[in-house]
Amino acid sequence: MTGYYIAAGSAAVWAVILTAIGVRRETFPATPRATRMVAAISIVLVVATIGLAIYLSATEEHEKGGEEHAAVNRI
């Protein structure tokens, strides 16, 4: 689960940094190469975050007591 938090935090920090730079400079990113780099980094961070969320939710072990607890609450 820690990997997800790191990826999500990195994506959030990246978004704040891009916003701060974009607000201060009208020509950000200045070149087509810089535009591709910003887009590539953004895509990698988003795909990593989504991928980790899917992977961790699919491999998460569920507690066995959860079903019994739900049955007790129905009575």
PDB file of N, CA and C in Angstrom:
ATOM      1  N   MET A   1       0.825  -1.195   0.000  1.00  0.00           N
ATOM      2  CA  MET A   1       0.000   0.000   0.000  1.00  0.00           C
ATOM      3  C   MET A   1       0.867   1.255   0.000  1.00  0.00           C
ATOM      4  N   THR A   2       2.066   1.153   0.537  1.00  0.00           N
ATOM      5  CA  THR A   2       2.950   2.307   0.603  1.00  0.00           C
ATOM      6  C   THR A   2       3.315   2.800  -0.788  1.00  0.00           C
ATOM      7  N   GLY A   3       3.518   1.879  -1.731  1.00  0.00           N
ATOM      8  CA  GLY A   3       3.862   2.268  -3.099  1.00  0.00           C
ATOM      9  C   GLY A   3       2.794   3.145  -3.725  1.00  0.00           C
ATOM     10  N   TYR A   4       1.540   2.840  -3.452  1.00  0.00           N
ATOM     11  CA  TYR A   4       0.445   3.648  -3.984  1.00  0.00           C
ATOM     12  C   TYR A   4       0.509   5.066  -3.437  1.00  0.00           C
ATOM     13  N   TYR A   5       0.739   5.186  -2.140  1.00  0.00           N
ATOM     14  CA  TYR A   5       0.796   6.511  -1.538  1.00  0.00           C
ATOM     15  C   TYR A   5       1.968   7.324  -2.089  1.00  0.00           C
ATOM     16  N   ILE A   6       3.082   6.673  -2.334  1.00  0.00           N
ATOM     17  CA  ILE A   6       4.227   7.365  -2.917  1.00  0.00           C
ATOM     18  C   ILE A   6       3.908   7.828  -4.336  1.00  0.00           C
ATOM     19  N   ALA A   7       3.309   6.953  -5.133  1.00  0.00           N
ATOM     20  CA  ALA A   7       2.966   7.308  -6.512  1.00  0.00           C
ATOM     21  C   ALA A   7       1.915   8.422  -6.548  1.00  0.00           C
ATOM     22  N   ALA A   8       0.902   8.312  -5.734  1.00  0.00           N
ATOM     23  CA  ALA A   8      -0.149   9.325  -5.711  1.00  0.00           C
ATOM     24  C   ALA A   8       0.387  10.658  -5.198  1.00  0.00           C
ATOM     25  N   GLY A   9       1.215  10.609  -4.177  1.00  0.00           N
ATOM     26  CA  GLY A   9       1.827  11.838  -3.660  1.00  0.00           C
ATOM     27  C   GLY A   9       2.729  12.493  -4.686  1.00  0.00           C
ATOM     28  N   SER A  10       3.482  11.679  -5.411  1.00  0.00           N
ATOM     29  CA  SER A  10       4.359  12.211  -6.460  1.00  0.00           C
ATOM     30  C   SER A  10       3.542  12.876  -7.560  1.00  0.00           C
ATOM     31  N   ALA A  11       2.449  12.263  -7.942  1.00  0.00           N
ATOM     32  CA  ALA A  11       1.580  12.838  -8.970  1.00  0.00           C
ATOM     33  C   ALA A  11       0.980  14.160  -8.491  1.00  0.00           C
ATOM     34  N   ALA A  12       0.589  14.224  -7.242  1.00  0.00           N
ATOM     35  CA  ALA A  12       0.020  15.458  -6.693  1.00  0.00           C
ATOM     36  C   ALA A  12       1.065  16.575  -6.633  1.00  0.00           C
ATOM     37  N   VAL A  13       2.259  16.229  -6.178  1.00  0.00           N
ATOM     38  CA  VAL A  13       3.336  17.227  -6.120  1.00  0.00           C
ATOM     39  C   VAL A  13       3.681  17.711  -7.521  1.00  0.00           C
ATOM     40  N   TRP A  14       3.749  16.795  -8.479  1.00  0.00           N
ATOM     41  CA  TRP A  14       4.029  17.146  -9.876  1.00  0.00           C
ATOM     42  C   TRP A  14       2.965  18.121 -10.398  1.00  0.00           C
ATOM     43  N   ALA A  15       1.707  17.864 -10.091  1.00  0.00           N
ATOM     44  CA  ALA A  15       0.626  18.741 -10.545  1.00  0.00           C
ATOM     45  C   ALA A  15       0.749  20.140  -9.944  1.00  0.00           C
ATOM     46  N   VAL A  16       1.098  20.219  -8.678  1.00  0.00           N
ATOM     47  CA  VAL A  16       1.257  21.524  -8.030  1.00  0.00           C
ATOM     48  C   VAL A  16       2.441  22.280  -8.630  1.00  0.00           C
ATOM     49  N   ILE A  17       3.534  21.580  -8.879  1.00  0.00           N
ATOM     50  CA  ILE A  17       4.707  22.220  -9.481  1.00  0.00           C
ATOM     51  C   ILE A  17       4.378  22.737 -10.875  1.00  0.00           C
ATOM     52  N   LEU A  18       3.717  21.913 -11.688  1.00  0.00           N
ATOM     53  CA  LEU A  18       3.337  22.346 -13.029  1.00  0.00           C
ATOM     54  C   LEU A  18       2.409  23.549 -12.988  1.00  0.00           C
ATOM     55  N   THR A  19       1.486  23.550 -12.061  1.00  0.00           N
ATOM     56  CA  THR A  19       0.568  24.668 -11.925  1.00  0.00           C
ATOM     57  C   THR A  19       1.314  25.939 -11.546  1.00  0.00           C
ATOM     58  N   ALA A  20       2.220  25.837 -10.592  1.00  0.00           N
ATOM     59  CA  ALA A  20       2.984  27.010 -10.160  1.00  0.00           C
ATOM     60  C   ALA A  20       3.825  27.583 -11.293  1.00  0.00           C
ATOM     61  N   ILE A  21       4.482  26.717 -12.038  1.00  0.00           N
ATOM     62  CA  ILE A  21       5.299  27.192 -13.159  1.00  0.00           C
ATOM     63  C   ILE A  21       4.401  27.747 -14.262  1.00  0.00           C
ATOM     64  N   GLY A  22       3.316  27.071 -14.573  1.00  0.00           N
ATOM     65  CA  GLY A  22       2.414  27.508 -15.634  1.00  0.00           C
ATOM     66  C   GLY A  22       1.740  28.831 -15.353  1.00  0.00           C
ATOM     67  N   VAL A  23       1.463  29.120 -14.092  1.00  0.00           N
ATOM     68  CA  VAL A  23       0.838  30.388 -13.729  1.00  0.00           C
ATOM     69  C   VAL A  23       1.834  31.538 -13.882  1.00  0.00           C
ATOM     70  N   ARG A  24       3.093  31.271 -13.606  1.00  0.00           N
ATOM     71  CA  ARG A  24       4.111  32.329 -13.654  1.00  0.00           C
ATOM     72  C   ARG A  24       4.642  32.594 -15.054  1.00  0.00           C
ATOM     73  N   ARG A  25       4.620  31.593 -15.912  1.00  0.00           N
ATOM     74  CA  ARG A  25       5.182  31.739 -17.260  1.00  0.00           C
ATOM     75  C   ARG A  25       4.127  31.420 -18.309  1.00  0.00           C
ATOM     76  N   GLU A  26       3.861  32.369 -19.180  1.00  0.00           N
ATOM     77  CA  GLU A  26       2.871  32.156 -20.231  1.00  0.00           C
ATOM     78  C   GLU A  26       3.336  31.139 -21.260  1.00  0.00           C
ATOM     79  N   THR A  27       4.637  31.042 -21.458  1.00  0.00           N
ATOM     80  CA  THR A  27       5.165  30.178 -22.513  1.00  0.00           C
ATOM     81  C   THR A  27       5.613  28.810 -22.006  1.00  0.00           C
ATOM     82  N   PHE A  28       5.097  28.382 -20.866  1.00  0.00           N
ATOM     83  CA  PHE A  28       5.498  27.088 -20.328  1.00  0.00           C
ATOM     84  C   PHE A  28       4.627  25.995 -20.910  1.00  0.00           C
ATOM     85  N   PRO A  29       5.152  24.934 -21.331  1.00  0.00           N
ATOM     86  CA  PRO A  29       6.532  24.647 -21.686  1.00  0.00           C
ATOM     87  C   PRO A  29       6.915  25.338 -22.995  1.00  0.00           C
ATOM     88  N   ALA A  30       8.130  25.804 -23.038  1.00  0.00           N
ATOM     89  CA  ALA A  30       8.572  26.706 -24.100  1.00  0.00           C
ATOM     90  C   ALA A  30       8.806  26.013 -25.440  1.00  0.00           C
ATOM     91  N   THR A  31       9.232  24.771 -25.425  1.00  0.00           N
ATOM     92  CA  THR A  31       9.573  24.084 -26.675  1.00  0.00           C
ATOM     93  C   THR A  31       8.718  22.829 -26.841  1.00  0.00           C
ATOM     94  N   PRO A  32       8.608  22.361 -28.055  1.00  0.00           N
ATOM     95  CA  PRO A  32       7.866  21.101 -28.257  1.00  0.00           C
ATOM     96  C   PRO A  32       8.488  19.926 -27.494  1.00  0.00           C
ATOM     97  N   ARG A  33       9.806  19.903 -27.384  1.00  0.00           N
ATOM     98  CA  ARG A  33      10.461  18.829 -26.637  1.00  0.00           C
ATOM     99  C   ARG A  33      10.089  18.894 -25.154  1.00  0.00           C
ATOM    100  N   ALA A  34      10.067  20.097 -24.587  1.00  0.00           N
ATOM    101  CA  ALA A  34       9.687  20.258 -23.186  1.00  0.00           C
ATOM    102  C   ALA A  34       8.227  19.841 -22.976  1.00  0.00           C
ATOM    103  N   THR A  35       7.391  20.151 -23.943  1.00  0.00           N
ATOM    104  CA  THR A  35       5.986  19.751 -23.865  1.00  0.00           C
ATOM    105  C   THR A  35       5.861  18.234 -23.814  1.00  0.00           C
ATOM    106  N   ARG A  36       6.617  17.553 -24.671  1.00  0.00           N
ATOM    107  CA  ARG A  36       6.586  16.086 -24.676  1.00  0.00           C
ATOM    108  C   ARG A  36       7.117  15.510 -23.369  1.00  0.00           C
ATOM    109  N   MET A  37       8.151  16.126 -22.813  1.00  0.00           N
ATOM    110  CA  MET A  37       8.706  15.641 -21.541  1.00  0.00           C
ATOM    111  C   MET A  37       7.701  15.800 -20.395  1.00  0.00           C
ATOM    112  N   VAL A  38       7.062  16.955 -20.341  1.00  0.00           N
ATOM    113  CA  VAL A  38       6.053  17.194 -19.294  1.00  0.00           C
ATOM    114  C   VAL A  38       4.909  16.197 -19.442  1.00  0.00           C
ATOM    115  N   ALA A  39       4.455  15.988 -20.667  1.00  0.00           N
ATOM    116  CA  ALA A  39       3.368  15.041 -20.902  1.00  0.00           C
ATOM    117  C   ALA A  39       3.790  13.619 -20.544  1.00  0.00           C
ATOM    118  N   ALA A  40       5.007  13.235 -20.917  1.00  0.00           N
ATOM    119  CA  ALA A  40       5.489  11.876 -20.630  1.00  0.00           C
ATOM    120  C   ALA A  40       5.588  11.629 -19.127  1.00  0.00           C
ATOM    121  N   ILE A  41       6.136  12.579 -18.406  1.00  0.00           N
ATOM    122  CA  ILE A  41       6.253  12.426 -16.949  1.00  0.00           C
ATOM    123  C   ILE A  41       4.863  12.342 -16.318  1.00  0.00           C
ATOM    124  N   SER A  42       3.959  13.181 -16.767  1.00  0.00           N
ATOM    125  CA  SER A  42       2.598  13.179 -16.231  1.00  0.00           C
ATOM    126  C   SER A  42       1.915  11.841 -16.494  1.00  0.00           C
ATOM    127  N   ILE A  43       2.053  11.331 -17.708  1.00  0.00           N
ATOM    128  CA  ILE A  43       1.424  10.059 -18.057  1.00  0.00           C
ATOM    129  C   ILE A  43       2.000   8.913 -17.225  1.00  0.00           C
ATOM    130  N   VAL A  44       3.318   8.895 -17.057  1.00  0.00           N
ATOM    131  CA  VAL A  44       3.947   7.838 -16.263  1.00  0.00           C
ATOM    132  C   VAL A  44       3.443   7.870 -14.820  1.00  0.00           C
ATOM    133  N   LEU A  45       3.354   9.055 -14.239  1.00  0.00           N
ATOM    134  CA  LEU A  45       2.892   9.161 -12.852  1.00  0.00           C
ATOM    135  C   LEU A  45       1.431   8.714 -12.708  1.00  0.00           C
ATOM    136  N   VAL A  46       0.593   9.111 -13.644  1.00  0.00           N
ATOM    137  CA  VAL A  46      -0.821   8.742 -13.565  1.00  0.00           C
ATOM    138  C   VAL A  46      -1.005   7.242 -13.790  1.00  0.00           C
ATOM    139  N   VAL A  47      -0.320   6.689 -14.790  1.00  0.00           N
ATOM    140  CA  VAL A  47      -0.445   5.249 -15.064  1.00  0.00           C
ATOM    141  C   VAL A  47       0.093   4.430 -13.889  1.00  0.00           C
ATOM    142  N   ALA A  48       1.200   4.875 -13.296  1.00  0.00           N
ATOM    143  CA  ALA A  48       1.757   4.167 -12.140  1.00  0.00           C
ATOM    144  C   ALA A  48       0.783   4.189 -10.964  1.00  0.00           C
ATOM    145  N   THR A  49       0.177   5.334 -10.719  1.00  0.00           N
ATOM    146  CA  THR A  49      -0.765   5.447  -9.605  1.00  0.00           C
ATOM    147  C   THR A  49      -1.995   4.569  -9.829  1.00  0.00           C
ATOM    148  N   ILE A  50      -2.561   4.630 -11.016  1.00  0.00           N
ATOM    149  CA  ILE A  50      -3.742   3.816 -11.317  1.00  0.00           C
ATOM    150  C   ILE A  50      -3.382   2.333 -11.302  1.00  0.00           C
ATOM    151  N   GLY A  51      -2.251   1.986 -11.890  1.00  0.00           N
ATOM    152  CA  GLY A  51      -1.823   0.594 -11.918  1.00  0.00           C
ATOM    153  C   GLY A  51      -1.607   0.034 -10.527  1.00  0.00           C
ATOM    154  N   LEU A  52      -0.967   0.809  -9.666  1.00  0.00           N
ATOM    155  CA  LEU A  52      -0.758   0.352  -8.295  1.00  0.00           C
ATOM    156  C   LEU A  52      -2.068   0.216  -7.538  1.00  0.00           C
ATOM    157  N   ALA A  53      -2.995   1.129  -7.767  1.00  0.00           N
ATOM    158  CA  ALA A  53      -4.297   1.032  -7.099  1.00  0.00           C
ATOM    159  C   ALA A  53      -5.021  -0.248  -7.518  1.00  0.00           C
ATOM    160  N   ILE A  54      -4.998  -0.545  -8.806  1.00  0.00           N
ATOM    161  CA  ILE A  54      -5.660  -1.757  -9.295  1.00  0.00           C
ATOM    162  C   ILE A  54      -4.954  -2.995  -8.765  1.00  0.00           C
ATOM    163  N   TYR A  55      -3.635  -3.033  -8.865  1.00  0.00           N
ATOM    164  CA  TYR A  55      -2.873  -4.198  -8.410  1.00  0.00           C
ATOM    165  C   TYR A  55      -3.064  -4.441  -6.922  1.00  0.00           C
ATOM    166  N   LEU A  56      -2.953  -3.397  -6.123  1.00  0.00           N
ATOM    167  CA  LEU A  56      -3.063  -3.569  -4.677  1.00  0.00           C
ATOM    168  C   LEU A  56      -4.476  -3.961  -4.255  1.00  0.00           C
ATOM    169  N   SER A  57      -5.490  -3.443  -4.929  1.00  0.00           N
ATOM    170  CA  SER A  57      -6.857  -3.836  -4.569  1.00  0.00           C
ATOM    171  C   SER A  57      -7.142  -5.275  -4.986  1.00  0.00           C
ATOM    172  N   ALA A  58      -6.524  -5.737  -6.065  1.00  0.00           N
ATOM    173  CA  ALA A  58      -6.744  -7.107  -6.516  1.00  0.00           C
ATOM    174  C   ALA A  58      -6.001  -8.119  -5.653  1.00  0.00           C
ATOM    175  N   THR A  59      -4.870  -7.732  -5.098  1.00  0.00           N
ATOM    176  CA  THR A  59      -4.072  -8.670  -4.313  1.00  0.00           C
ATOM    177  C   THR A  59      -4.252  -8.503  -2.814  1.00  0.00           C
ATOM    178  N   GLU A  60      -5.086  -7.609  -2.407  1.00  0.00           N
ATOM    179  CA  GLU A  60      -5.314  -7.365  -0.983  1.00  0.00           C
ATOM    180  C   GLU A  60      -6.018  -8.555  -0.354  1.00  0.00           C
ATOM    181  N   GLU A  61      -5.502  -9.001   0.761  1.00  0.00           N
ATOM    182  CA  GLU A  61      -6.129 -10.105   1.471  1.00  0.00           C
ATOM    183  C   GLU A  61      -7.262  -9.568   2.332  1.00  0.00           C
ATOM    184  N   HIS A  62      -8.394 -10.205   2.195  1.00  0.00           N
ATOM    185  CA  HIS A  62      -9.555  -9.779   2.979  1.00  0.00           C
ATOM    186  C   HIS A  62      -9.593 -10.539   4.286  1.00  0.00           C
ATOM    187  N   GLU A  63     -10.073  -9.867   5.313  1.00  0.00           N
ATOM    188  CA  GLU A  63     -10.169 -10.505   6.624  1.00  0.00           C
ATOM    189  C   GLU A  63     -11.284 -11.547   6.610  1.00  0.00           C
ATOM    190  N   LYS A  64     -11.018 -12.676   7.208  1.00  0.00           N
ATOM    191  CA  LYS A  64     -12.027 -13.741   7.265  1.00  0.00           C
ATOM    192  C   LYS A  64     -13.165 -13.371   8.199  1.00  0.00           C
ATOM    193  N   GLY A  65     -12.892 -12.602   9.219  1.00  0.00           N
ATOM    194  CA  GLY A  65     -13.907 -12.249  10.200  1.00  0.00           C
ATOM    195  C   GLY A  65     -14.935 -11.270   9.675  1.00  0.00           C
ATOM    196  N   GLY A  66     -14.674 -10.654   8.553  1.00  0.00           N
ATOM    197  CA  GLY A  66     -15.586  -9.666   7.998  1.00  0.00           C
ATOM    198  C   GLY A  66     -16.944 -10.240   7.648  1.00  0.00           C
ATOM    199  N   GLU A  67     -16.962 -11.438   7.083  1.00  0.00           N
ATOM    200  CA  GLU A  67     -18.215 -12.072   6.707  1.00  0.00           C
ATOM    201  C   GLU A  67     -19.023 -12.454   7.945  1.00  0.00           C
ATOM    202  N   GLU A  68     -18.353 -12.962   8.947  1.00  0.00           N
ATOM    203  CA  GLU A  68     -19.055 -13.343  10.167  1.00  0.00           C
ATOM    204  C   GLU A  68     -19.629 -12.120  10.863  1.00  0.00           C
ATOM    205  N   HIS A  69     -18.865 -11.049  10.836  1.00  0.00           N
ATOM    206  CA  HIS A  69     -19.330  -9.809  11.471  1.00  0.00           C
ATOM    207  C   HIS A  69     -20.567  -9.280  10.748  1.00  0.00           C
ATOM    208  N   ALA A  70     -20.575  -9.348   9.427  1.00  0.00           N
ATOM    209  CA  ALA A  70     -21.728  -8.889   8.661  1.00  0.00           C
ATOM    210  C   ALA A  70     -22.949  -9.753   8.963  1.00  0.00           C
ATOM    211  N   ALA A  71     -22.778 -11.048   9.128  1.00  0.00           N
ATOM    212  CA  ALA A  71     -23.899 -11.946   9.429  1.00  0.00           C
ATOM    213  C   ALA A  71     -24.473 -11.642  10.800  1.00  0.00           C
ATOM    214  N   VAL A  72     -23.646 -11.304  11.759  1.00  0.00           N
ATOM    215  CA  VAL A  72     -24.120 -10.997  13.109  1.00  0.00           C
ATOM    216  C   VAL A  72     -24.939  -9.728  13.100  1.00  0.00           C
ATOM    217  N   ASN A  73     -24.554  -8.753  12.297  1.00  0.00           N
ATOM    218  CA  ASN A  73     -25.286  -7.488  12.249  1.00  0.00           C
ATOM    219  C   ASN A  73     -26.662  -7.632  11.600  1.00  0.00           C
ATOM    220  N   ARG A  74     -26.858  -8.654  10.806  1.00  0.00           N
ATOM    221  CA  ARG A  74     -28.150  -8.842  10.138  1.00  0.00           C
ATOM    222  C   ARG A  74     -29.207  -9.419  11.081  1.00  0.00           C
ATOM    223  N   ILE A  75     -28.769 -10.048  12.135  1.00  0.00           N
ATOM    224  CA  ILE A  75     -29.715 -10.712  13.050  1.00  0.00           C
ATOM    225  C   ILE A  75     -30.442  -9.723  13.897  1.00  0.00           C
TER     226      ILE A  75
END
